Amino acid sequence: MSLADTSSEIDHLNDTERDCIENCFEAAETCEWCADECLDEDMDMSKCIRLCRDVADLATMHARFMARESGYTEQLTEATAGAAEECAEECERHDHHHCQVCADVLRECAESCRSMMGA
């Protein structure tokens, strides 16, 4: 069963929340990949690595909290969106393919979090 199939089974989620969960998990995976790839770069990538790790943790926590209807979802939505935007800005500063892919995914994640906040 895919993530989309699984999230569609959670009755209390609307389409915006389902999209946000999917984007959060994609952001977490991409950030883990980007951080790992940054370790092999010749330049100092410590800020990028730290931000990617922060987003990966926040995004997975946020998705899990949404799935269980936590009372902290609103705060995590805002924190995840902000961290994703900051990390995307950092990733965009680097020409590495993994950083550019990560920035794109993070922009989508932040946008879906912001959409959820406005819903």
N, C-alpha and C. Protein backbone atom coordinates (compact mmCIF):
# COMPACT_ATOMS: atom_id res chain seq x y z
N MET A 1 0.86 -1.18 0.00
CA MET A 1 0.00 0.00 0.00
C MET A 1 0.90 1.24 0.00
N SER A 2 0.60 2.16 -0.87
CA SER A 2 1.40 3.38 -0.97
C SER A 2 1.02 4.36 0.14
N LEU A 3 1.86 5.36 0.31
CA LEU A 3 1.57 6.40 1.31
C LEU A 3 0.26 7.10 0.99
N ALA A 4 0.00 7.38 -0.27
CA ALA A 4 -1.25 8.03 -0.67
C ALA A 4 -2.45 7.15 -0.31
N ASP A 5 -2.31 5.84 -0.53
CA ASP A 5 -3.39 4.92 -0.18
C ASP A 5 -3.59 4.89 1.33
N THR A 6 -2.51 4.87 2.07
CA THR A 6 -2.60 4.82 3.53
C THR A 6 -3.24 6.08 4.07
N SER A 7 -2.78 7.24 3.63
CA SER A 7 -3.34 8.49 4.16
C SER A 7 -4.80 8.66 3.75
N SER A 8 -5.21 8.06 2.63
CA SER A 8 -6.62 8.18 2.23
C SER A 8 -7.53 7.38 3.16
N GLU A 9 -6.98 6.45 3.91
CA GLU A 9 -7.76 5.65 4.85
C GLU A 9 -8.00 6.38 6.18
N ILE A 10 -7.29 7.44 6.43
CA ILE A 10 -7.45 8.18 7.69
C ILE A 10 -8.62 9.13 7.51
N ASP A 11 -9.74 8.80 8.13
CA ASP A 11 -11.01 9.48 7.90
C ASP A 11 -11.02 10.96 8.22
N HIS A 12 -10.31 11.37 9.24
CA HIS A 12 -10.40 12.76 9.67
C HIS A 12 -9.60 13.73 8.81
N LEU A 13 -8.80 13.24 7.87
CA LEU A 13 -7.97 14.12 7.04
C LEU A 13 -8.73 14.60 5.80
N ASN A 14 -8.57 15.88 5.49
CA ASN A 14 -9.09 16.38 4.23
C ASN A 14 -7.98 16.30 3.18
N ASP A 15 -8.29 16.64 1.93
CA ASP A 15 -7.31 16.52 0.85
C ASP A 15 -6.08 17.39 1.08
N THR A 16 -6.26 18.57 1.63
CA THR A 16 -5.13 19.47 1.90
C THR A 16 -4.20 18.85 2.93
N GLU A 17 -4.77 18.26 3.96
CA GLU A 17 -3.96 17.61 4.99
C GLU A 17 -3.25 16.37 4.45
N ARG A 18 -3.93 15.61 3.60
CA ARG A 18 -3.30 14.44 2.99
C ARG A 18 -2.10 14.86 2.13
N ASP A 19 -2.29 15.91 1.34
CA ASP A 19 -1.18 16.42 0.52
C ASP A 19 -0.02 16.85 1.39
N CYS A 20 -0.33 17.50 2.49
CA CYS A 20 0.71 17.98 3.39
C CYS A 20 1.49 16.80 3.98
N ILE A 21 0.79 15.77 4.41
CA ILE A 21 1.47 14.59 4.94
C ILE A 21 2.40 13.99 3.90
N GLU A 22 1.91 13.82 2.69
CA GLU A 22 2.74 13.26 1.62
C GLU A 22 3.95 14.13 1.33
N ASN A 23 3.74 15.44 1.28
CA ASN A 23 4.86 16.36 1.02
C ASN A 23 5.85 16.37 2.17
N CYS A 24 5.37 16.24 3.39
CA CYS A 24 6.28 16.19 4.54
C CYS A 24 7.16 14.95 4.49
N PHE A 25 6.57 13.81 4.18
CA PHE A 25 7.39 12.59 4.10
C PHE A 25 8.37 12.66 2.94
N GLU A 26 7.96 13.24 1.81
CA GLU A 26 8.88 13.40 0.69
C GLU A 26 10.02 14.36 1.06
N ALA A 27 9.69 15.43 1.77
CA ALA A 27 10.72 16.37 2.21
C ALA A 27 11.70 15.71 3.16
N ALA A 28 11.19 14.90 4.08
CA ALA A 28 12.06 14.21 5.03
C ALA A 28 13.03 13.28 4.30
N GLU A 29 12.52 12.50 3.37
CA GLU A 29 13.38 11.59 2.60
C GLU A 29 14.44 12.36 1.81
N THR A 30 14.00 13.42 1.15
CA THR A 30 14.91 14.20 0.31
C THR A 30 15.97 14.89 1.16
N CYS A 31 15.57 15.41 2.31
CA CYS A 31 16.53 16.07 3.20
C CYS A 31 17.57 15.09 3.74
N GLU A 32 17.14 13.88 4.06
CA GLU A 32 18.10 12.87 4.53
C GLU A 32 19.11 12.56 3.42
N TRP A 33 18.62 12.43 2.20
CA TRP A 33 19.50 12.17 1.06
C TRP A 33 20.45 13.34 0.84
N CYS A 34 19.91 14.56 0.86
CA CYS A 34 20.73 15.75 0.63
C CYS A 34 21.81 15.88 1.71
N ALA A 35 21.44 15.71 2.96
CA ALA A 35 22.41 15.81 4.05
C ALA A 35 23.52 14.79 3.88
N ASP A 36 23.15 13.57 3.50
CA ASP A 36 24.14 12.52 3.30
C ASP A 36 25.08 12.87 2.14
N GLU A 37 24.53 13.38 1.06
CA GLU A 37 25.35 13.77 -0.09
C GLU A 37 26.26 14.95 0.26
N CYS A 38 25.78 15.86 1.08
CA CYS A 38 26.58 17.02 1.48
C CYS A 38 27.82 16.61 2.25
N LEU A 39 27.75 15.49 2.93
CA LEU A 39 28.92 15.01 3.69
C LEU A 39 30.11 14.73 2.77
N ASP A 40 29.85 14.42 1.52
CA ASP A 40 30.90 14.08 0.57
C ASP A 40 31.44 15.28 -0.21
N GLU A 41 30.86 16.44 0.01
CA GLU A 41 31.30 17.64 -0.72
C GLU A 41 32.59 18.19 -0.11
N ASP A 42 33.40 18.84 -0.96
CA ASP A 42 34.68 19.39 -0.52
C ASP A 42 34.52 20.67 0.30
N MET A 43 33.44 21.39 0.11
CA MET A 43 33.25 22.65 0.81
C MET A 43 32.49 22.42 2.12
N ASP A 44 32.48 23.43 2.97
CA ASP A 44 31.77 23.33 4.25
C ASP A 44 30.27 23.38 4.00
N MET A 45 29.61 22.29 4.25
CA MET A 45 28.17 22.17 4.03
C MET A 45 27.42 21.99 5.36
N SER A 46 28.06 22.37 6.45
CA SER A 46 27.49 22.10 7.77
C SER A 46 26.12 22.76 7.97
N LYS A 47 25.93 23.99 7.48
CA LYS A 47 24.65 24.65 7.66
C LYS A 47 23.56 23.91 6.89
N CYS A 48 23.85 23.50 5.67
CA CYS A 48 22.90 22.77 4.85
C CYS A 48 22.54 21.44 5.52
N ILE A 49 23.53 20.75 6.02
CA ILE A 49 23.30 19.46 6.68
C ILE A 49 22.43 19.64 7.90
N ARG A 50 22.74 20.62 8.73
CA ARG A 50 21.95 20.85 9.95
C ARG A 50 20.49 21.18 9.63
N LEU A 51 20.30 22.07 8.67
CA LEU A 51 18.93 22.45 8.30
C LEU A 51 18.17 21.26 7.70
N CYS A 52 18.83 20.50 6.86
CA CYS A 52 18.17 19.31 6.28
C CYS A 52 17.76 18.33 7.38
N ARG A 53 18.63 18.12 8.34
CA ARG A 53 18.30 17.21 9.43
C ARG A 53 17.14 17.75 10.26
N ASP A 54 17.13 19.07 10.50
CA ASP A 54 16.01 19.68 11.24
C ASP A 54 14.69 19.48 10.51
N VAL A 55 14.69 19.73 9.21
CA VAL A 55 13.47 19.59 8.43
C VAL A 55 13.02 18.13 8.41
N ALA A 56 13.95 17.21 8.24
CA ALA A 56 13.58 15.79 8.20
C ALA A 56 12.88 15.39 9.50
N ASP A 57 13.41 15.84 10.63
CA ASP A 57 12.79 15.51 11.92
C ASP A 57 11.45 16.21 12.09
N LEU A 58 11.40 17.50 11.79
CA LEU A 58 10.14 18.24 11.93
C LEU A 58 9.05 17.72 11.00
N ALA A 59 9.40 17.45 9.77
CA ALA A 59 8.42 17.03 8.78
C ALA A 59 7.82 15.67 9.14
N THR A 60 8.64 14.73 9.58
CA THR A 60 8.09 13.42 9.95
C THR A 60 7.25 13.53 11.21
N MET A 61 7.69 14.34 12.16
CA MET A 61 6.90 14.54 13.38
C MET A 61 5.56 15.20 13.04
N HIS A 62 5.62 16.20 12.19
CA HIS A 62 4.40 16.90 11.79
C HIS A 62 3.41 15.94 11.14
N ALA A 63 3.87 15.11 10.22
CA ALA A 63 2.99 14.16 9.54
C ALA A 63 2.39 13.17 10.54
N ARG A 64 3.19 12.70 11.46
CA ARG A 64 2.67 11.76 12.46
C ARG A 64 1.64 12.43 13.36
N PHE A 65 1.89 13.68 13.74
CA PHE A 65 0.95 14.40 14.61
C PHE A 65 -0.37 14.68 13.88
N MET A 66 -0.30 14.98 12.58
CA MET A 66 -1.53 15.19 11.81
C MET A 66 -2.35 13.91 11.76
N ALA A 67 -1.67 12.78 11.56
CA ALA A 67 -2.37 11.51 11.45
C ALA A 67 -3.11 11.15 12.73
N ARG A 68 -2.59 11.58 13.86
CA ARG A 68 -3.26 11.23 15.12
C ARG A 68 -4.06 12.39 15.72
N GLU A 69 -4.29 13.43 14.94
CA GLU A 69 -5.09 14.59 15.37
C GLU A 69 -4.57 15.23 16.65
N SER A 70 -3.27 15.43 16.70
CA SER A 70 -2.66 16.05 17.86
C SER A 70 -3.09 17.51 18.00
N GLY A 71 -3.14 17.98 19.21
CA GLY A 71 -3.44 19.37 19.48
C GLY A 71 -2.29 20.30 19.13
N TYR A 72 -1.15 19.75 18.77
CA TYR A 72 0.03 20.56 18.44
C TYR A 72 0.24 20.70 16.94
N THR A 73 -0.70 20.23 16.15
CA THR A 73 -0.55 20.25 14.70
C THR A 73 -0.34 21.66 14.17
N GLU A 74 -1.09 22.63 14.67
CA GLU A 74 -0.97 23.99 14.15
C GLU A 74 0.44 24.55 14.36
N GLN A 75 1.00 24.36 15.54
CA GLN A 75 2.35 24.85 15.81
C GLN A 75 3.39 24.13 14.95
N LEU A 76 3.22 22.82 14.79
CA LEU A 76 4.16 22.07 13.97
C LEU A 76 4.04 22.43 12.49
N THR A 77 2.84 22.76 12.05
CA THR A 77 2.66 23.19 10.66
C THR A 77 3.48 24.44 10.40
N GLU A 78 3.37 25.40 11.29
CA GLU A 78 4.12 26.65 11.14
C GLU A 78 5.63 26.42 11.23
N ALA A 79 6.06 25.61 12.19
CA ALA A 79 7.49 25.33 12.36
C ALA A 79 8.04 24.59 11.14
N THR A 80 7.30 23.63 10.64
CA THR A 80 7.75 22.86 9.48
C THR A 80 7.85 23.74 8.24
N ALA A 81 6.85 24.58 8.03
CA ALA A 81 6.87 25.49 6.88
C ALA A 81 8.07 26.43 6.96
N GLY A 82 8.31 27.01 8.12
CA GLY A 82 9.43 27.94 8.29
C GLY A 82 10.77 27.26 8.10
N ALA A 83 10.93 26.08 8.68
CA ALA A 83 12.20 25.36 8.54
C ALA A 83 12.41 24.92 7.09
N ALA A 84 11.35 24.49 6.42
CA ALA A 84 11.47 24.08 5.02
C ALA A 84 11.88 25.26 4.14
N GLU A 85 11.30 26.42 4.39
CA GLU A 85 11.66 27.61 3.61
C GLU A 85 13.11 28.01 3.86
N GLU A 86 13.54 28.00 5.11
CA GLU A 86 14.93 28.36 5.42
C GLU A 86 15.91 27.36 4.80
N CYS A 87 15.58 26.09 4.88
CA CYS A 87 16.46 25.07 4.30
C CYS A 87 16.49 25.19 2.78
N ALA A 88 15.35 25.46 2.17
CA ALA A 88 15.30 25.63 0.71
C ALA A 88 16.21 26.79 0.28
N GLU A 89 16.17 27.88 1.02
CA GLU A 89 17.04 29.02 0.70
C GLU A 89 18.51 28.64 0.79
N GLU A 90 18.87 27.87 1.81
CA GLU A 90 20.26 27.42 1.96
C GLU A 90 20.63 26.48 0.82
N CYS A 91 19.77 25.52 0.52
CA CYS A 91 20.07 24.56 -0.55
C CYS A 91 20.22 25.27 -1.90
N GLU A 92 19.42 26.29 -2.14
CA GLU A 92 19.49 27.02 -3.41
C GLU A 92 20.82 27.73 -3.60
N ARG A 93 21.55 27.97 -2.54
CA ARG A 93 22.86 28.63 -2.63
C ARG A 93 23.94 27.72 -3.21
N HIS A 94 23.65 26.43 -3.25
CA HIS A 94 24.65 25.46 -3.70
C HIS A 94 24.27 24.91 -5.07
N ASP A 95 25.27 24.71 -5.91
CA ASP A 95 25.03 24.22 -7.26
C ASP A 95 24.87 22.71 -7.35
N HIS A 96 25.05 22.02 -6.25
CA HIS A 96 24.97 20.55 -6.27
C HIS A 96 23.56 20.10 -6.64
N HIS A 97 23.50 19.06 -7.45
CA HIS A 97 22.21 18.53 -7.91
C HIS A 97 21.31 18.18 -6.73
N HIS A 98 21.85 17.50 -5.74
CA HIS A 98 21.04 17.08 -4.60
C HIS A 98 20.46 18.28 -3.85
N CYS A 99 21.20 19.37 -3.76
CA CYS A 99 20.70 20.58 -3.09
C CYS A 99 19.59 21.23 -3.89
N GLN A 100 19.72 21.25 -5.21
CA GLN A 100 18.69 21.85 -6.05
C GLN A 100 17.39 21.04 -6.01
N VAL A 101 17.51 19.71 -6.04
CA VAL A 101 16.33 18.85 -5.92
C VAL A 101 15.68 19.06 -4.56
N CYS A 102 16.50 19.09 -3.53
CA CYS A 102 15.99 19.29 -2.18
C CYS A 102 15.25 20.62 -2.06
N ALA A 103 15.81 21.67 -2.60
CA ALA A 103 15.16 22.99 -2.53
C ALA A 103 13.78 22.95 -3.18
N ASP A 104 13.67 22.29 -4.32
CA ASP A 104 12.37 22.19 -5.00
C ASP A 104 11.35 21.45 -4.15
N VAL A 105 11.75 20.33 -3.58
CA VAL A 105 10.85 19.53 -2.74
C VAL A 105 10.45 20.32 -1.49
N LEU A 106 11.41 21.04 -0.93
CA LEU A 106 11.12 21.82 0.28
C LEU A 106 10.17 22.97 0.00
N ARG A 107 10.25 23.57 -1.16
CA ARG A 107 9.31 24.64 -1.52
C ARG A 107 7.89 24.07 -1.58
N GLU A 108 7.74 22.88 -2.15
CA GLU A 108 6.42 22.24 -2.21
C GLU A 108 5.92 21.92 -0.81
N CYS A 109 6.79 21.42 0.04
CA CYS A 109 6.40 21.10 1.41
C CYS A 109 5.94 22.35 2.15
N ALA A 110 6.72 23.41 2.06
CA ALA A 110 6.36 24.67 2.74
C ALA A 110 5.04 25.20 2.20
N GLU A 111 4.84 25.11 0.89
CA GLU A 111 3.60 25.59 0.28
C GLU A 111 2.40 24.78 0.78
N SER A 112 2.55 23.48 0.86
CA SER A 112 1.42 22.67 1.32
C SER A 112 1.13 22.91 2.80
N CYS A 113 2.18 23.17 3.59
CA CYS A 113 1.96 23.51 5.00
C CYS A 113 1.23 24.85 5.10
N ARG A 114 1.65 25.82 4.31
CA ARG A 114 1.00 27.14 4.33
C ARG A 114 -0.45 27.04 3.86
N SER A 115 -0.71 26.18 2.85
CA SER A 115 -2.08 25.98 2.39
C SER A 115 -2.94 25.39 3.49
N MET A 116 -2.37 24.48 4.24
CA MET A 116 -3.11 23.86 5.32
C MET A 116 -3.43 24.88 6.42
N MET A 117 -2.50 25.79 6.65
CA MET A 117 -2.71 26.82 7.67
C MET A 117 -3.85 27.75 7.26
N GLY A 118 -3.98 27.97 5.95
CA GLY A 118 -5.01 28.88 5.46
C GLY A 118 -6.37 28.23 5.29
N ALA A 119 -6.39 26.90 5.38
CA ALA A 119 -7.65 26.17 5.16
C ALA A 119 -8.57 26.25 6.37
